[in-house]
Amino acid sequence: MKYSYKTMGTCSSRIDFEIDGDILKSVQFTGGCNGNLKGIAALVEGMRVEDVIKRLEGTKCGFKQTSCPDQLATALKAALREA
């Protein structure tokens, strides 16, 4: 299933992703640090959603209370609640 999540508190403005069963199939960030976010997407694609959440949740960016990886974890948790 495909999802789109509007981020809060980060340079990226949206995360589009697809979940197939319990596997994260694709991730695309809009805005933010292009190379870093492409790298994060490449690393997490193919992983179990719960494993991605465990690895990324709570990651902070500088003095911000969140980050793009943390927002991905938040988006995945929201998608699991919808399912």
N, C-alpha and C. Protein backbone atom coordinates (compact mmCIF):
# COMPACT_ATOMS: atom_id res chain seq x y z
N MET A 1 0.84 -1.17 0.00
CA MET A 1 0.00 0.00 0.00
C MET A 1 0.89 1.24 0.00
N LYS A 2 0.47 2.27 -0.72
CA LYS A 2 1.24 3.51 -0.82
C LYS A 2 0.73 4.52 0.19
N TYR A 3 1.67 5.28 0.75
CA TYR A 3 1.35 6.28 1.77
C TYR A 3 2.10 7.57 1.46
N SER A 4 1.55 8.67 1.94
CA SER A 4 2.20 9.97 1.86
C SER A 4 2.05 10.63 3.23
N TYR A 5 3.15 11.15 3.76
CA TYR A 5 3.15 11.72 5.11
C TYR A 5 3.74 13.12 5.06
N LYS A 6 3.02 14.11 5.58
CA LYS A 6 3.51 15.48 5.67
C LYS A 6 4.35 15.60 6.93
N THR A 7 5.63 15.89 6.76
CA THR A 7 6.55 15.96 7.89
C THR A 7 6.37 17.25 8.68
N MET A 8 6.85 17.24 9.91
CA MET A 8 6.81 18.42 10.78
C MET A 8 8.18 18.60 11.43
N GLY A 9 8.69 19.83 11.40
CA GLY A 9 9.93 20.15 12.08
C GLY A 9 11.19 19.75 11.37
N THR A 10 11.09 19.47 10.05
CA THR A 10 12.28 19.07 9.29
C THR A 10 12.39 19.86 8.00
N CYS A 11 13.53 19.77 7.37
CA CYS A 11 13.73 20.43 6.07
C CYS A 11 12.92 19.75 4.97
N SER A 12 12.75 18.44 5.07
CA SER A 12 11.89 17.76 4.10
C SER A 12 10.44 18.08 4.43
N SER A 13 9.60 18.10 3.40
CA SER A 13 8.20 18.47 3.60
C SER A 13 7.24 17.29 3.50
N ARG A 14 7.69 16.21 2.86
CA ARG A 14 6.82 15.05 2.68
C ARG A 14 7.66 13.79 2.49
N ILE A 15 7.07 12.67 2.92
CA ILE A 15 7.69 11.36 2.68
C ILE A 15 6.63 10.49 2.01
N ASP A 16 6.97 9.96 0.85
CA ASP A 16 6.11 9.00 0.15
C ASP A 16 6.77 7.64 0.28
N PHE A 17 5.97 6.63 0.64
CA PHE A 17 6.54 5.30 0.81
C PHE A 17 5.51 4.24 0.52
N GLU A 18 5.99 3.03 0.31
CA GLU A 18 5.12 1.89 0.02
C GLU A 18 5.49 0.74 0.96
N ILE A 19 4.45 0.12 1.50
CA ILE A 19 4.64 -1.04 2.37
C ILE A 19 3.93 -2.22 1.72
N ASP A 20 4.65 -3.33 1.63
CA ASP A 20 4.08 -4.58 1.11
C ASP A 20 4.17 -5.61 2.21
N GLY A 21 3.02 -5.93 2.83
CA GLY A 21 3.03 -6.82 3.99
C GLY A 21 3.68 -6.09 5.15
N ASP A 22 4.83 -6.58 5.60
CA ASP A 22 5.56 -5.88 6.67
C ASP A 22 6.91 -5.37 6.17
N ILE A 23 7.05 -5.26 4.84
CA ILE A 23 8.31 -4.83 4.23
C ILE A 23 8.16 -3.44 3.62
N LEU A 24 9.12 -2.57 3.92
CA LEU A 24 9.16 -1.24 3.33
C LEU A 24 9.75 -1.37 1.93
N LYS A 25 8.94 -1.06 0.91
CA LYS A 25 9.36 -1.29 -0.48
C LYS A 25 10.04 -0.09 -1.12
N SER A 26 9.56 1.11 -0.84
CA SER A 26 10.16 2.30 -1.45
C SER A 26 9.98 3.48 -0.52
N VAL A 27 10.91 4.42 -0.60
CA VAL A 27 10.85 5.63 0.22
C VAL A 27 11.36 6.79 -0.63
N GLN A 28 10.61 7.89 -0.62
CA GLN A 28 11.06 9.09 -1.34
C GLN A 28 10.73 10.31 -0.48
N PHE A 29 11.76 11.10 -0.19
CA PHE A 29 11.60 12.33 0.57
C PHE A 29 11.48 13.49 -0.41
N THR A 30 10.64 14.48 -0.07
CA THR A 30 10.54 15.72 -0.83
C THR A 30 11.22 16.80 0.00
N GLY A 31 12.22 17.44 -0.58
CA GLY A 31 12.99 18.46 0.14
C GLY A 31 14.05 17.80 1.01
N GLY A 32 14.68 18.60 1.83
CA GLY A 32 15.71 18.07 2.73
C GLY A 32 17.05 17.89 2.04
N CYS A 33 17.94 17.21 2.71
CA CYS A 33 19.31 16.97 2.22
C CYS A 33 19.28 15.81 1.23
N ASN A 34 19.24 16.12 -0.02
CA ASN A 34 18.99 15.16 -1.09
C ASN A 34 19.84 13.89 -1.01
N GLY A 35 21.14 14.04 -0.96
CA GLY A 35 22.02 12.86 -0.95
C GLY A 35 21.84 12.01 0.30
N ASN A 36 21.77 12.66 1.45
CA ASN A 36 21.59 11.92 2.70
C ASN A 36 20.28 11.16 2.72
N LEU A 37 19.21 11.80 2.26
CA LEU A 37 17.90 11.16 2.29
C LEU A 37 17.79 10.04 1.26
N LYS A 38 18.45 10.19 0.12
CA LYS A 38 18.50 9.08 -0.84
C LYS A 38 19.25 7.91 -0.22
N GLY A 39 20.32 8.20 0.51
CA GLY A 39 21.08 7.14 1.18
C GLY A 39 20.26 6.42 2.22
N ILE A 40 19.53 7.17 3.06
CA ILE A 40 18.67 6.56 4.07
C ILE A 40 17.62 5.68 3.40
N ALA A 41 17.00 6.20 2.34
CA ALA A 41 15.98 5.43 1.62
C ALA A 41 16.56 4.12 1.10
N ALA A 42 17.75 4.19 0.50
CA ALA A 42 18.37 2.98 -0.04
C ALA A 42 18.69 1.96 1.06
N LEU A 43 19.07 2.45 2.23
CA LEU A 43 19.41 1.54 3.33
C LEU A 43 18.19 0.85 3.93
N VAL A 44 17.05 1.54 3.99
CA VAL A 44 15.88 0.96 4.67
C VAL A 44 14.95 0.20 3.74
N GLU A 45 15.03 0.44 2.45
CA GLU A 45 14.16 -0.29 1.52
C GLU A 45 14.48 -1.78 1.60
N GLY A 46 13.42 -2.57 1.73
CA GLY A 46 13.58 -4.02 1.84
C GLY A 46 13.60 -4.51 3.28
N MET A 47 13.66 -3.58 4.23
CA MET A 47 13.67 -3.96 5.64
C MET A 47 12.24 -4.11 6.17
N ARG A 48 12.10 -4.84 7.28
CA ARG A 48 10.82 -4.92 7.97
C ARG A 48 10.51 -3.55 8.57
N VAL A 49 9.25 -3.14 8.46
CA VAL A 49 8.84 -1.83 8.94
C VAL A 49 9.19 -1.65 10.42
N GLU A 50 8.91 -2.65 11.24
CA GLU A 50 9.21 -2.55 12.67
C GLU A 50 10.71 -2.34 12.93
N ASP A 51 11.55 -2.96 12.12
CA ASP A 51 13.00 -2.79 12.28
C ASP A 51 13.43 -1.37 11.92
N VAL A 52 12.83 -0.80 10.88
CA VAL A 52 13.14 0.57 10.49
C VAL A 52 12.74 1.52 11.62
N ILE A 53 11.55 1.32 12.17
CA ILE A 53 11.09 2.17 13.27
C ILE A 53 12.06 2.10 14.44
N LYS A 54 12.46 0.91 14.82
CA LYS A 54 13.38 0.74 15.96
C LYS A 54 14.71 1.44 15.73
N ARG A 55 15.20 1.40 14.49
CA ARG A 55 16.50 2.00 14.20
C ARG A 55 16.46 3.52 14.11
N LEU A 56 15.36 4.07 13.60
CA LEU A 56 15.33 5.50 13.29
C LEU A 56 14.61 6.36 14.31
N GLU A 57 13.68 5.78 15.05
CA GLU A 57 12.88 6.56 16.00
C GLU A 57 13.78 7.25 17.03
N GLY A 58 13.51 8.52 17.26
CA GLY A 58 14.26 9.27 18.27
C GLY A 58 15.51 9.96 17.75
N THR A 59 15.86 9.76 16.49
CA THR A 59 17.02 10.43 15.91
C THR A 59 16.73 11.93 15.83
N LYS A 60 17.67 12.74 16.29
CA LYS A 60 17.50 14.18 16.27
C LYS A 60 18.47 14.81 15.28
N CYS A 61 18.10 15.99 14.78
CA CYS A 61 18.95 16.74 13.84
C CYS A 61 19.37 18.03 14.53
N GLY A 62 20.62 18.11 14.93
CA GLY A 62 21.10 19.30 15.62
C GLY A 62 20.32 19.53 16.90
N PHE A 63 19.79 20.73 17.03
CA PHE A 63 19.03 21.09 18.23
C PHE A 63 17.53 20.83 18.07
N LYS A 64 17.13 20.33 16.91
CA LYS A 64 15.71 20.03 16.66
C LYS A 64 15.30 18.81 17.48
N GLN A 65 14.04 18.71 17.77
CA GLN A 65 13.51 17.57 18.52
C GLN A 65 13.21 16.37 17.63
N THR A 66 13.41 16.52 16.33
CA THR A 66 13.13 15.45 15.38
C THR A 66 14.16 15.53 14.25
N SER A 67 14.00 14.68 13.25
CA SER A 67 14.86 14.66 12.07
C SER A 67 14.08 13.97 10.96
N CYS A 68 14.63 13.97 9.77
CA CYS A 68 13.97 13.26 8.67
C CYS A 68 13.87 11.76 8.96
N PRO A 69 14.91 11.10 9.49
CA PRO A 69 14.77 9.69 9.83
C PRO A 69 13.71 9.46 10.92
N ASP A 70 13.66 10.33 11.92
CA ASP A 70 12.66 10.22 12.97
C ASP A 70 11.26 10.41 12.39
N GLN A 71 11.12 11.34 11.45
CA GLN A 71 9.82 11.55 10.82
C GLN A 71 9.41 10.34 9.98
N LEU A 72 10.38 9.66 9.38
CA LEU A 72 10.05 8.42 8.66
C LEU A 72 9.51 7.38 9.64
N ALA A 73 10.14 7.25 10.78
CA ALA A 73 9.64 6.31 11.81
C ALA A 73 8.23 6.69 12.24
N THR A 74 7.99 7.98 12.41
CA THR A 74 6.65 8.46 12.79
C THR A 74 5.64 8.13 11.70
N ALA A 75 6.02 8.34 10.45
CA ALA A 75 5.15 8.05 9.31
C ALA A 75 4.82 6.56 9.24
N LEU A 76 5.82 5.73 9.48
CA LEU A 76 5.60 4.27 9.43
C LEU A 76 4.67 3.82 10.56
N LYS A 77 4.83 4.40 11.73
CA LYS A 77 3.95 4.07 12.84
C LYS A 77 2.50 4.47 12.52
N ALA A 78 2.33 5.63 11.89
CA ALA A 78 1.00 6.08 11.50
C ALA A 78 0.40 5.13 10.46
N ALA A 79 1.23 4.68 9.52
CA ALA A 79 0.74 3.74 8.50
C ALA A 79 0.32 2.42 9.14
N LEU A 80 1.05 1.95 10.12
CA LEU A 80 0.68 0.70 10.80
C LEU A 80 -0.65 0.85 11.52
N ARG A 81 -0.90 2.01 12.10
CA ARG A 81 -2.17 2.26 12.77
C ARG A 81 -3.34 2.25 11.78
N GLU A 82 -3.08 2.75 10.56
CA GLU A 82 -4.12 2.79 9.52
C GLU A 82 -4.46 1.40 9.00
N ALA A 83 -3.47 0.54 8.98
CA ALA A 83 -3.65 -0.79 8.36
C ALA A 83 -4.61 -1.67 9.13
